[in-house]
């Protein structure tokens, strides 16, 4: 199983620190879904001090802004076309996050 590099970085951040649980923020536009992230985390922490720590994942909804009509919208199925003017030039406001929320 290929482990996402950002998940490896989070693992390295907390491996030798006293933590009660691990809380990760995951943007909706990241290529991992929650179950895939959990499976990768389980594989990564197997036989380590983090194996018994609970993992909490907070999904951050995607939001984009059309660069033509400036409408802010939630992309459906990661589609970038503006629902109002159908333009494909969008600025991503949120949804690409992937980080450790608390240590």
C-alpha atoms as a PDB file:
ATOM      1  CA  UNK A   1       0.000   0.000   0.000  1.00  0.00           C
ATOM      2  CA  UNK A   2       1.344   3.410  -0.985  1.00  0.00           C
ATOM      3  CA  UNK A   3       1.129   5.819   1.982  1.00  0.00           C
ATOM      4  CA  UNK A   4       0.348   9.477   1.183  1.00  0.00           C
ATOM      5  CA  UNK A   5       3.443  11.666   1.871  1.00  0.00           C
ATOM      6  CA  UNK A   6       1.481  14.183   3.952  1.00  0.00           C
ATOM      7  CA  UNK A   7       0.247  11.369   6.173  1.00  0.00           C
ATOM      8  CA  UNK A   8       3.831  10.197   6.674  1.00  0.00           C
ATOM      9  CA  UNK A   9       4.785  13.754   7.692  1.00  0.00           C
ATOM     10  CA  UNK A  10       1.934  13.866  10.240  1.00  0.00           C
ATOM     11  CA  UNK A  11       3.043  10.492  11.584  1.00  0.00           C
ATOM     12  CA  UNK A  12       6.612  11.761  12.015  1.00  0.00           C
ATOM     13  CA  UNK A  13       5.329  14.879  13.802  1.00  0.00           C
ATOM     14  CA  UNK A  14       3.537  12.919  16.508  1.00  0.00           C
ATOM     15  CA  UNK A  15       5.477   9.654  16.760  1.00  0.00           C
ATOM     16  CA  UNK A  16       7.577  10.589  19.799  1.00  0.00           C
ATOM     17  CA  UNK A  17       5.199  13.082  21.411  1.00  0.00           C
ATOM     18  CA  UNK A  18       2.730  12.372  24.207  1.00  0.00           C
ATOM     19  CA  UNK A  19      -0.637  12.561  22.436  1.00  0.00           C
ATOM     20  CA  UNK A  20      -4.053  11.337  23.511  1.00  0.00           C
ATOM     21  CA  UNK A  21      -5.518  11.195  20.046  1.00  0.00           C
ATOM     22  CA  UNK A  22      -4.678  12.249  16.506  1.00  0.00           C
ATOM     23  CA  UNK A  23      -6.923  14.743  14.738  1.00  0.00           C
ATOM     24  CA  UNK A  24      -6.472  15.338  11.016  1.00  0.00           C
ATOM     25  CA  UNK A  25      -8.171  17.907   8.789  1.00  0.00           C
ATOM     26  CA  UNK A  26      -8.797  16.534   5.293  1.00  0.00           C
ATOM     27  CA  UNK A  27     -10.021  18.690   2.431  1.00  0.00           C
ATOM     28  CA  UNK A  28     -12.745  17.290   0.232  1.00  0.00           C
ATOM     29  CA  UNK A  29     -10.615  17.793  -2.900  1.00  0.00           C
ATOM     30  CA  UNK A  30      -7.691  15.678  -1.662  1.00  0.00           C
ATOM     31  CA  UNK A  31      -7.411  12.393  -3.550  1.00  0.00           C
ATOM     32  CA  UNK A  32      -7.956  10.372  -0.330  1.00  0.00           C
ATOM     33  CA  UNK A  33     -11.342   9.625   1.125  1.00  0.00           C
ATOM     34  CA  UNK A  34     -11.852   9.034   4.843  1.00  0.00           C
ATOM     35  CA  UNK A  35     -11.802   5.225   4.666  1.00  0.00           C
ATOM     36  CA  UNK A  36      -8.639   5.200   2.548  1.00  0.00           C
ATOM     37  CA  UNK A  37      -6.962   7.618   4.972  1.00  0.00           C
ATOM     38  CA  UNK A  38      -7.913   5.394   7.926  1.00  0.00           C
ATOM     39  CA  UNK A  39      -6.536   2.298   6.165  1.00  0.00           C
ATOM     40  CA  UNK A  40      -3.262   4.055   5.387  1.00  0.00           C
ATOM     41  CA  UNK A  41      -2.994   5.360   8.966  1.00  0.00           C
ATOM     42  CA  UNK A  42      -3.634   1.882  10.362  1.00  0.00           C
ATOM     43  CA  UNK A  43      -0.864   0.474   8.159  1.00  0.00           C
ATOM     44  CA  UNK A  44       1.532   3.277   9.123  1.00  0.00           C
ATOM     45  CA  UNK A  45       1.059   3.013  12.903  1.00  0.00           C
ATOM     46  CA  UNK A  46       0.988  -0.787  13.108  1.00  0.00           C
ATOM     47  CA  UNK A  47       3.413  -1.972  15.849  1.00  0.00           C
ATOM     48  CA  UNK A  48       4.241   1.598  16.965  1.00  0.00           C
ATOM     49  CA  UNK A  49       3.312   3.595  20.096  1.00  0.00           C
ATOM     50  CA  UNK A  50       0.562   5.304  18.033  1.00  0.00           C
ATOM     51  CA  UNK A  51      -1.254   2.062  17.244  1.00  0.00           C
ATOM     52  CA  UNK A  52      -3.709   2.402  20.161  1.00  0.00           C
ATOM     53  CA  UNK A  53      -4.348   6.154  19.739  1.00  0.00           C
ATOM     54  CA  UNK A  54      -7.694   7.185  18.305  1.00  0.00           C
ATOM     55  CA  UNK A  55      -7.824   8.943  14.945  1.00  0.00           C
ATOM     56  CA  UNK A  56     -10.331  11.718  14.288  1.00  0.00           C
ATOM     57  CA  UNK A  57     -10.801  13.042  10.760  1.00  0.00           C
ATOM     58  CA  UNK A  58     -12.573  16.323  10.026  1.00  0.00           C
ATOM     59  CA  UNK A  59     -13.644  16.730   6.404  1.00  0.00           C
ATOM     60  CA  UNK A  60     -13.326  20.307   5.124  1.00  0.00           C
ATOM     61  CA  UNK A  61     -15.899  21.062   2.409  1.00  0.00           C
ATOM     62  CA  UNK A  62     -14.659  22.326  -0.937  1.00  0.00           C
ATOM     63  CA  UNK A  63     -15.448  25.867  -1.983  1.00  0.00           C
ATOM     64  CA  UNK A  64     -14.482  27.528  -5.238  1.00  0.00           C
ATOM     65  CA  UNK A  65     -14.943  30.959  -6.754  1.00  0.00           C
ATOM     66  CA  UNK A  66     -15.567  31.551 -10.436  1.00  0.00           C
ATOM     67  CA  UNK A  67     -13.003  33.939 -11.915  1.00  0.00           C
ATOM     68  CA  UNK A  68     -15.526  35.209 -14.483  1.00  0.00           C
ATOM     69  CA  UNK A  69     -18.730  35.942 -12.518  1.00  0.00           C
ATOM     70  CA  UNK A  70     -17.172  35.632  -8.990  1.00  0.00           C
ATOM     71  CA  UNK A  71     -19.842  33.240  -7.711  1.00  0.00           C
ATOM     72  CA  UNK A  72     -18.671  31.170  -4.743  1.00  0.00           C
ATOM     73  CA  UNK A  73     -19.902  27.593  -4.967  1.00  0.00           C
ATOM     74  CA  UNK A  74     -19.415  24.023  -3.769  1.00  0.00           C
ATOM     75  CA  UNK A  75     -18.106  21.920  -6.672  1.00  0.00           C
ATOM     76  CA  UNK A  76     -20.177  18.821  -7.324  1.00  0.00           C
ATOM     77  CA  UNK A  77     -18.096  15.658  -7.866  1.00  0.00           C
ATOM     78  CA  UNK A  78     -14.915  17.798  -7.976  1.00  0.00           C
ATOM     79  CA  UNK A  79     -16.209  19.519 -11.142  1.00  0.00           C
ATOM     80  CA  UNK A  80     -14.686  22.960 -11.682  1.00  0.00           C
ATOM     81  CA  UNK A  81     -17.289  24.443 -14.068  1.00  0.00           C
ATOM     82  CA  UNK A  82     -19.240  27.338 -12.564  1.00  0.00           C
ATOM     83  CA  UNK A  83     -22.909  26.408 -12.028  1.00  0.00           C
ATOM     84  CA  UNK A  84     -23.960  29.973 -12.941  1.00  0.00           C
ATOM     85  CA  UNK A  85     -21.944  30.928 -16.039  1.00  0.00           C
ATOM     86  CA  UNK A  86     -20.373  27.533 -16.913  1.00  0.00           C
ATOM     87  CA  UNK A  87     -16.859  29.016 -16.984  1.00  0.00           C
ATOM     88  CA  UNK A  88     -14.065  26.600 -16.024  1.00  0.00           C
ATOM     89  CA  UNK A  89     -11.695  29.178 -14.497  1.00  0.00           C
ATOM     90  CA  UNK A  90     -12.121  28.714 -10.749  1.00  0.00           C
ATOM     91  CA  UNK A  91     -10.073  29.697  -7.709  1.00  0.00           C
ATOM     92  CA  UNK A  92     -10.032  27.071  -4.966  1.00  0.00           C
ATOM     93  CA  UNK A  93     -10.920  28.679  -1.636  1.00  0.00           C
ATOM     94  CA  UNK A  94     -11.015  25.530   0.493  1.00  0.00           C
ATOM     95  CA  UNK A  95     -10.904  21.780   0.144  1.00  0.00           C
ATOM     96  CA  UNK A  96      -7.197  21.112  -0.413  1.00  0.00           C
ATOM     97  CA  UNK A  97      -6.255  21.009   3.282  1.00  0.00           C
ATOM     98  CA  UNK A  98      -4.457  18.037   4.804  1.00  0.00           C
ATOM     99  CA  UNK A  99      -2.852  18.697   8.171  1.00  0.00           C
ATOM    100  CA  UNK A 100      -2.586  17.738  11.835  1.00  0.00           C
ATOM    101  CA  UNK A 101      -5.123  19.706  13.861  1.00  0.00           C
ATOM    102  CA  UNK A 102      -3.938  18.991  17.370  1.00  0.00           C
ATOM    103  CA  UNK A 103      -0.971  17.385  19.009  1.00  0.00           C
END
